[in-house]
């Protein structure tokens, strides 16, 4: 299997309806009616295509048209034919029909280079807004001859195509291609239409297909670049005034390290300070102190007014608390996640922030 290839696009598709409409007006513009009509026709055509994560290319979903060099070749052949008829040049006829025959053979080879491929899509992993959405696509071929120059990319909204990732598919084998584009808006989005295309062997014809994947991608809120320290913890009922989580993410209640304490209980920040001072004093978190307080990440107490900025700060706090291996809860409008820790809890919190 070939090593993965990648392409990085410039704009995603699959955002919420309102932003998509505003971007559509900005791309085509009211002053460009032709671009507006083309974009509407493209959207209507894409909406008629079924969604699937596995697509087999046949003559029913593979399209072919002459490329720009192909049209130039056709114009040249027409001039050669007119000149040969006018001056009765037998060699002119020979050259004209020889080139036309090569172009026709190239057309059939180009169409067959894409027809028969099977495209398999792996579901994308969640990403944060501003990061790249990456799709791993496997191209499988059962033909006994290799396929050359197959490119995959994302279809943009203004009828352009993002830079393609090119690969060759071995005979009766498969190749892996990675297609990527930036994620702008949080939420759960459908993947944009993809295209597979080829110009092999002469470049005079372009063969392509359009593919609408069925998978969706979850985009978490962006992570605040310089988030403040974690907020103070809240004492549990019956332990008012007891130890609290401080803004540094450390616990007030610590004790000297005892043989057998778990590694995760060691306060490594204080240990590093002790080692730097030439001491060998290790301290561990007091388990009773942990039980007397709870760390809550509250949407209403973020210290920010913008809704998206609040979500970005909460996202940074969730990652910070997870790295410190703390039990933390999340409060959002209309939803509350009880304090816990671990990868599953972190994923649930980030998903709730993405879908709020």
Protein backbone atom coordinates (compact mmCIF):
# COMPACT_ATOMS: atom_id res chain seq x y z
CA UNK A 1 0.00 0.00 0.00
CA UNK A 2 1.32 3.40 -0.86
CA UNK A 3 2.08 5.88 1.89
CA UNK A 4 -0.73 8.35 2.64
CA UNK A 5 -0.85 11.48 0.50
CA UNK A 6 -2.42 14.69 1.77
CA UNK A 7 -4.00 17.84 0.42
CA UNK A 8 -4.99 20.90 2.45
CA UNK A 9 -7.99 22.85 1.22
CA UNK A 10 -8.96 26.43 1.78
CA UNK A 11 -12.58 26.31 2.87
CA UNK A 12 -14.90 23.67 4.33
CA UNK A 13 -18.42 22.70 3.51
CA UNK A 14 -20.92 21.34 5.97
CA UNK A 15 -21.32 24.43 8.18
CA UNK A 16 -24.60 25.63 9.66
CA UNK A 17 -27.19 26.97 7.19
CA UNK A 18 -26.91 30.66 8.10
CA UNK A 19 -23.11 30.95 7.72
CA UNK A 20 -23.28 28.96 4.49
CA UNK A 21 -25.73 31.43 2.95
CA UNK A 22 -23.68 34.46 3.96
CA UNK A 23 -20.50 32.93 2.55
CA UNK A 24 -22.33 32.04 -0.65
CA UNK A 25 -23.24 35.69 -1.23
CA UNK A 26 -19.67 36.73 -0.55
CA UNK A 27 -18.21 34.19 -2.96
CA UNK A 28 -20.45 34.65 -5.95
CA UNK A 29 -21.84 38.11 -5.16
CA UNK A 30 -25.02 39.73 -6.29
CA UNK A 31 -22.99 41.40 -9.05
CA UNK A 32 -22.05 38.02 -10.52
CA UNK A 33 -25.34 36.40 -11.60
CA UNK A 34 -23.58 33.70 -13.65
CA UNK A 35 -21.61 32.52 -10.62
CA UNK A 36 -24.80 32.54 -8.54
CA UNK A 37 -26.65 30.38 -11.06
CA UNK A 38 -23.75 27.94 -11.32
CA UNK A 39 -23.54 27.64 -7.53
CA UNK A 40 -27.29 26.98 -7.28
CA UNK A 41 -27.14 24.34 -10.01
CA UNK A 42 -24.19 22.68 -8.30
CA UNK A 43 -25.98 22.66 -4.92
CA UNK A 44 -29.11 21.18 -6.55
CA UNK A 45 -27.04 18.47 -8.25
CA UNK A 46 -25.12 17.57 -5.07
CA UNK A 47 -28.32 17.31 -3.06
CA UNK A 48 -29.62 14.67 -5.48
CA UNK A 49 -26.62 12.41 -4.89
CA UNK A 50 -27.05 9.69 -2.22
CA UNK A 51 -24.80 9.76 0.84
CA UNK A 52 -22.54 6.74 1.32
CA UNK A 53 -19.14 5.98 2.86
CA UNK A 54 -18.31 3.39 0.19
CA UNK A 55 -18.61 4.27 -3.49
CA UNK A 56 -17.92 2.04 -6.49
CA UNK A 57 -17.27 3.99 -9.68
CA UNK A 58 -19.21 2.79 -12.73
CA UNK A 59 -20.25 4.30 -16.04
CA UNK A 60 -23.35 5.67 -14.28
CA UNK A 61 -21.46 7.96 -11.86
CA UNK A 62 -18.27 8.75 -13.81
CA UNK A 63 -18.31 11.78 -16.12
CA UNK A 64 -15.95 12.84 -18.91
CA UNK A 65 -15.37 16.08 -20.81
CA UNK A 66 -12.47 17.48 -22.82
CA UNK A 67 -9.98 19.49 -20.81
CA UNK A 68 -8.60 22.85 -21.97
CA UNK A 69 -5.69 21.13 -23.75
CA UNK A 70 -8.29 18.79 -25.27
CA UNK A 71 -10.28 21.68 -26.73
CA UNK A 72 -7.08 23.17 -28.10
CA UNK A 73 -6.25 19.83 -29.69
CA UNK A 74 -9.72 19.67 -31.27
CA UNK A 75 -9.28 23.21 -32.66
CA UNK A 76 -5.85 22.26 -34.04
CA UNK A 77 -7.24 19.12 -35.68
CA UNK A 78 -9.99 21.17 -37.29
CA UNK A 79 -7.42 23.57 -38.75
CA UNK A 80 -5.31 20.67 -40.01
CA UNK A 81 -8.35 19.08 -41.65
CA UNK A 82 -9.42 22.32 -43.35
CA UNK A 83 -5.86 22.94 -44.57
CA UNK A 84 -5.53 19.37 -45.85
CA UNK A 85 -8.83 19.63 -47.77
CA UNK A 86 -7.94 23.02 -49.19
CA UNK A 87 -4.46 22.06 -50.39
CA UNK A 88 -5.16 18.35 -51.00
CA UNK A 89 -2.34 17.24 -48.65
CA UNK A 90 -2.30 13.48 -48.20
CA UNK A 91 0.24 13.73 -45.39
CA UNK A 92 -2.01 16.32 -43.78
CA UNK A 93 -4.88 13.83 -43.81
CA UNK A 94 -2.59 11.19 -42.34
CA UNK A 95 -1.41 13.45 -39.52
CA UNK A 96 -4.93 14.70 -38.76
CA UNK A 97 -6.53 11.27 -38.50
CA UNK A 98 -3.51 9.84 -36.64
CA UNK A 99 -3.78 12.52 -33.95
CA UNK A 100 -7.56 12.15 -33.81
CA UNK A 101 -7.20 8.39 -33.35
CA UNK A 102 -4.70 8.88 -30.53
CA UNK A 103 -7.11 11.30 -28.84
CA UNK A 104 -9.99 8.80 -29.10
CA UNK A 105 -7.85 6.00 -27.65
CA UNK A 106 -6.75 8.34 -24.84
CA UNK A 107 -10.41 9.10 -24.11
CA UNK A 108 -11.23 5.42 -23.52
CA UNK A 109 -8.07 4.86 -21.46
CA UNK A 110 -8.81 7.94 -19.34
CA UNK A 111 -12.37 6.83 -18.61
CA UNK A 112 -11.23 3.30 -17.77
CA UNK A 113 -8.54 4.64 -15.43
CA UNK A 114 -11.23 5.75 -12.96
CA UNK A 115 -14.07 3.35 -13.74
CA UNK A 116 -14.08 0.30 -11.48
CA UNK A 117 -12.38 1.92 -8.48
CA UNK A 118 -13.96 1.50 -5.04
CA UNK A 119 -13.59 4.35 -2.54
CA UNK A 120 -13.77 3.60 1.20
CA UNK A 121 -13.95 6.41 3.77
CA UNK A 122 -12.88 6.09 7.42
CA UNK A 123 -14.94 8.21 9.83
CA UNK A 124 -12.99 11.36 10.76
CA UNK A 125 -11.86 12.02 14.33
CA UNK A 126 -13.24 15.09 16.14
CA UNK A 127 -11.13 18.23 15.88
CA UNK A 128 -11.16 21.72 17.37
CA UNK A 129 -12.22 24.76 15.37
CA UNK A 130 -9.23 26.14 13.54
CA UNK A 131 -7.59 22.76 13.16
CA UNK A 132 -7.61 20.57 10.05
CA UNK A 133 -10.29 17.98 9.37
CA UNK A 134 -8.48 14.96 7.97
CA UNK A 135 -10.12 12.20 5.94
CA UNK A 136 -8.41 8.88 5.24
CA UNK A 137 -9.70 7.37 1.98
CA UNK A 138 -8.72 3.97 0.66
CA UNK A 139 -8.82 3.38 -3.11
CA UNK A 140 -9.21 -0.32 -3.98
CA UNK A 141 -8.84 -1.79 -7.47
CA UNK A 142 -9.46 -5.34 -8.68
CA UNK A 143 -8.08 -4.70 -12.17
CA UNK A 144 -4.94 -6.54 -13.24
CA UNK A 145 -3.26 -3.35 -14.44
CA UNK A 146 -2.32 -0.34 -12.29
CA UNK A 147 -4.14 2.97 -12.33
CA UNK A 148 -2.09 6.16 -12.59
CA UNK A 149 -2.70 9.76 -11.66
CA UNK A 150 -5.87 9.56 -9.56
CA UNK A 151 -6.56 12.70 -7.51
CA UNK A 152 -8.98 13.32 -4.64
CA UNK A 153 -10.09 16.61 -3.14
CA UNK A 154 -12.93 18.57 -1.58
CA UNK A 155 -15.46 20.35 -3.78
CA UNK A 156 -15.66 24.00 -2.76
CA UNK A 157 -18.88 26.00 -2.63
CA UNK A 158 -18.02 28.39 -5.46
CA UNK A 159 -17.52 25.52 -7.96
CA UNK A 160 -13.79 25.38 -7.44
CA UNK A 161 -11.95 22.34 -6.17
CA UNK A 162 -9.42 22.35 -3.36
CA UNK A 163 -5.88 21.16 -4.14
CA UNK A 164 -5.98 17.48 -5.01
CA UNK A 165 -4.04 14.63 -3.40
CA UNK A 166 -2.64 12.47 -6.18
CA UNK A 167 -1.78 8.78 -6.02
CA UNK A 168 -1.32 5.65 -8.12
CA UNK A 169 -3.33 2.51 -7.38
CA UNK A 170 -1.43 -0.75 -7.87
CA UNK A 171 -2.88 -3.68 -9.78
CA UNK A 172 -5.33 -5.67 -7.62
CA UNK A 173 -4.30 -3.56 -4.64
CA UNK A 174 -5.18 -0.39 -2.78
CA UNK A 175 -3.75 3.02 -1.98
CA UNK A 176 -4.38 5.38 0.93
CA UNK A 177 -5.06 9.08 0.39
CA UNK A 178 -5.48 11.77 3.03
CA UNK A 179 -7.60 14.82 2.26
CA UNK A 180 -7.73 17.76 4.69
CA UNK A 181 -9.28 21.21 5.00
CA UNK A 182 -9.65 23.69 7.89
CA UNK A 183 -12.57 23.54 10.31
CA UNK A 184 -14.10 26.94 11.01
CA UNK A 185 -17.31 26.43 12.99
CA UNK A 186 -18.03 24.13 15.91
CA UNK A 187 -20.86 21.61 15.84
CA UNK A 188 -21.78 18.37 14.13
CA UNK A 189 -21.49 18.77 10.36
CA UNK A 190 -21.95 16.62 7.29
CA UNK A 191 -18.79 16.12 5.30
CA UNK A 192 -18.59 18.19 2.11
CA UNK A 193 -18.78 16.52 -1.31
CA UNK A 194 -15.54 14.96 -2.50
CA UNK A 195 -14.28 14.51 -6.03
CA UNK A 196 -12.06 11.90 -7.64
CA UNK A 197 -10.53 12.86 -10.97
CA UNK A 198 -7.90 11.79 -13.49
CA UNK A 199 -6.27 13.22 -16.64
CA UNK A 200 -4.25 10.12 -17.50
CA UNK A 201 -2.82 9.40 -20.06
CA UNK A 202 -2.75 12.45 -22.39
CA UNK A 203 -4.43 15.15 -20.36
CA UNK A 204 -6.84 15.91 -23.20
CA UNK A 205 -9.87 14.57 -21.29
CA UNK A 206 -10.91 15.03 -17.68
CA UNK A 207 -12.77 12.19 -15.99
CA UNK A 208 -14.30 12.82 -12.58
CA UNK A 209 -16.95 11.80 -10.09
CA UNK A 210 -18.66 13.52 -7.16
CA UNK A 211 -19.04 11.66 -3.86
CA UNK A 212 -21.19 12.67 -0.87
CA UNK A 213 -19.97 10.83 2.25
CA UNK A 214 -22.51 9.79 4.85
CA UNK A 215 -20.20 10.31 7.85
CA UNK A 216 -20.32 13.42 9.98
CA UNK A 217 -17.52 15.28 11.72
CA UNK A 218 -17.71 16.73 15.22
CA UNK A 219 -15.91 20.06 15.63
CA UNK A 220 -15.14 21.13 19.18
CA UNK A 221 -14.87 24.83 20.13
CA UNK A 222 -11.51 26.48 19.62
CA UNK A 223 -9.10 26.32 22.56
CA UNK A 224 -8.44 29.68 24.21
CA UNK A 225 -4.80 30.54 23.58
CA UNK A 226 -3.96 32.00 27.00
CA UNK A 227 -6.65 30.69 29.31
CA UNK A 228 -6.56 31.70 32.99
CA UNK A 229 -5.96 29.08 35.71
CA UNK A 230 -8.72 26.73 36.77
CA UNK A 231 -11.42 28.24 38.97
CA UNK A 232 -11.66 27.44 42.67
CA UNK A 233 -13.49 24.28 43.66
CA UNK A 234 -16.83 24.20 45.46
CA UNK A 235 -17.08 22.44 48.86
CA UNK A 236 -19.46 19.52 48.92
CA UNK A 237 -22.49 19.55 51.20
CA UNK A 238 -21.43 19.01 54.79
CA UNK A 239 -17.83 20.16 54.17
CA UNK A 240 -18.24 23.92 54.02
CA UNK A 241 -15.01 25.74 54.71
CA UNK A 242 -12.87 22.69 53.98
CA UNK A 243 -10.02 22.43 51.47
CA UNK A 244 -10.65 23.85 48.01
CA UNK A 245 -9.09 23.60 44.60
CA UNK A 246 -6.96 26.69 44.08
CA UNK A 247 -6.51 28.67 40.89
CA UNK A 248 -3.28 26.82 40.16
CA UNK A 249 -5.11 23.51 39.92
CA UNK A 250 -3.35 22.23 43.11
CA UNK A 251 -5.02 21.16 46.34
CA UNK A 252 -4.67 22.94 49.68
CA UNK A 253 -4.70 19.59 51.45
CA UNK A 254 -1.37 17.87 50.82
CA UNK A 255 0.72 15.63 53.02
CA UNK A 256 4.15 14.09 52.97
CA UNK A 257 4.65 11.26 50.51
CA UNK A 258 4.03 7.82 52.00
CA UNK A 259 5.38 4.59 50.64
CA UNK A 260 2.73 3.02 48.41
CA UNK A 261 1.04 6.27 47.35
CA UNK A 262 -0.01 6.13 43.64
CA UNK A 263 2.13 8.08 41.21
CA UNK A 264 -0.85 10.15 40.09
CA UNK A 265 -1.26 11.46 43.65
CA UNK A 266 2.21 13.04 43.72
CA UNK A 267 2.19 16.82 43.30
CA UNK A 268 4.92 17.01 40.68
CA UNK A 269 4.99 20.78 40.53
CA UNK A 270 5.92 20.99 44.21
CA UNK A 271 8.34 18.07 43.77
CA UNK A 272 10.15 19.91 40.97
CA UNK A 273 10.47 22.98 43.17
CA UNK A 274 11.87 20.85 45.99
CA UNK A 275 14.39 19.14 43.70
CA UNK A 276 15.52 22.52 42.36
CA UNK A 277 16.16 23.66 45.95
CA UNK A 278 18.24 20.54 46.65
CA UNK A 279 15.63 18.82 48.81
CA UNK A 280 14.04 15.44 48.32
CA UNK A 281 10.64 16.29 49.79
CA UNK A 282 7.74 14.66 47.96
CA UNK A 283 4.15 15.49 48.80
CA UNK A 284 0.94 13.72 47.81
CA UNK A 285 -2.59 14.96 47.46
CA UNK A 286 -4.77 14.29 50.47
CA UNK A 287 -7.52 11.88 49.39
CA UNK A 288 -9.86 13.24 52.07
CA UNK A 289 -9.36 16.73 50.68
CA UNK A 290 -10.37 15.49 47.25
CA UNK A 291 -13.59 14.10 48.62
CA UNK A 292 -14.50 17.36 50.39
CA UNK A 293 -14.54 19.56 47.28
CA UNK A 294 -15.69 19.50 43.67
CA UNK A 295 -14.28 21.34 40.66
CA UNK A 296 -17.06 22.76 38.51
CA UNK A 297 -16.49 24.44 35.16
CA UNK A 298 -19.50 26.74 34.90
CA UNK A 299 -20.62 28.46 31.72
CA UNK A 300 -22.13 31.29 33.77
CA UNK A 301 -18.90 32.03 35.66
CA UNK A 302 -16.32 32.26 32.89
CA UNK A 303 -15.73 35.99 33.19
CA UNK A 304 -16.53 36.60 29.51
CA UNK A 305 -19.57 38.03 27.73
CA UNK A 306 -19.23 36.51 24.23
CA UNK A 307 -20.84 33.03 24.02
CA UNK A 308 -18.15 31.58 21.76
CA UNK A 309 -15.38 33.02 23.93
CA UNK A 310 -16.96 31.33 26.95
CA UNK A 311 -17.01 27.99 25.17
CA UNK A 312 -13.37 28.41 24.14
CA UNK A 313 -12.38 29.08 27.75
CA UNK A 314 -14.37 26.10 29.02
CA UNK A 315 -12.70 23.94 26.40
CA UNK A 316 -9.27 25.06 27.59
CA UNK A 317 -10.27 24.37 31.21
CA UNK A 318 -11.53 20.87 30.35
CA UNK A 319 -8.20 20.03 28.71
CA UNK A 320 -6.28 21.58 31.60
CA UNK A 321 -8.24 19.63 34.25
CA UNK A 322 -7.86 16.42 32.26
CA UNK A 323 -4.08 16.87 32.05
CA UNK A 324 -3.96 17.44 35.83
CA UNK A 325 -6.06 14.26 36.30
CA UNK A 326 -8.67 16.09 38.37
CA UNK A 327 -12.31 15.24 38.88
CA UNK A 328 -14.29 18.02 37.24
CA UNK A 329 -17.89 18.72 36.31
CA UNK A 330 -19.34 20.87 33.57
CA UNK A 331 -22.33 23.19 33.79
CA UNK A 332 -23.93 24.41 30.57
CA UNK A 333 -27.28 26.05 29.85
CA UNK A 334 -29.82 23.24 30.17
CA UNK A 335 -27.24 20.53 30.85
CA UNK A 336 -24.95 19.42 33.66
CA UNK A 337 -22.28 16.71 33.63
CA UNK A 338 -21.34 15.31 37.04
CA UNK A 339 -17.69 15.47 38.16
CA UNK A 340 -15.54 12.65 36.81
CA UNK A 341 -12.26 12.18 34.98
CA UNK A 342 -10.76 10.14 32.16
CA UNK A 343 -10.85 10.11 28.38
CA UNK A 344 -14.55 9.22 28.18
CA UNK A 345 -15.55 12.07 30.47
CA UNK A 346 -13.36 14.49 28.55
CA UNK A 347 -14.96 13.44 25.24
CA UNK A 348 -18.46 13.87 26.71
CA UNK A 349 -17.62 17.36 27.96
CA UNK A 350 -16.08 18.46 24.66
CA UNK A 351 -19.06 17.04 22.75
CA UNK A 352 -21.46 18.94 24.99
CA UNK A 353 -19.49 22.14 24.38
CA UNK A 354 -19.59 21.55 20.63
CA UNK A 355 -23.35 20.97 20.52
CA UNK A 356 -24.51 23.56 23.06
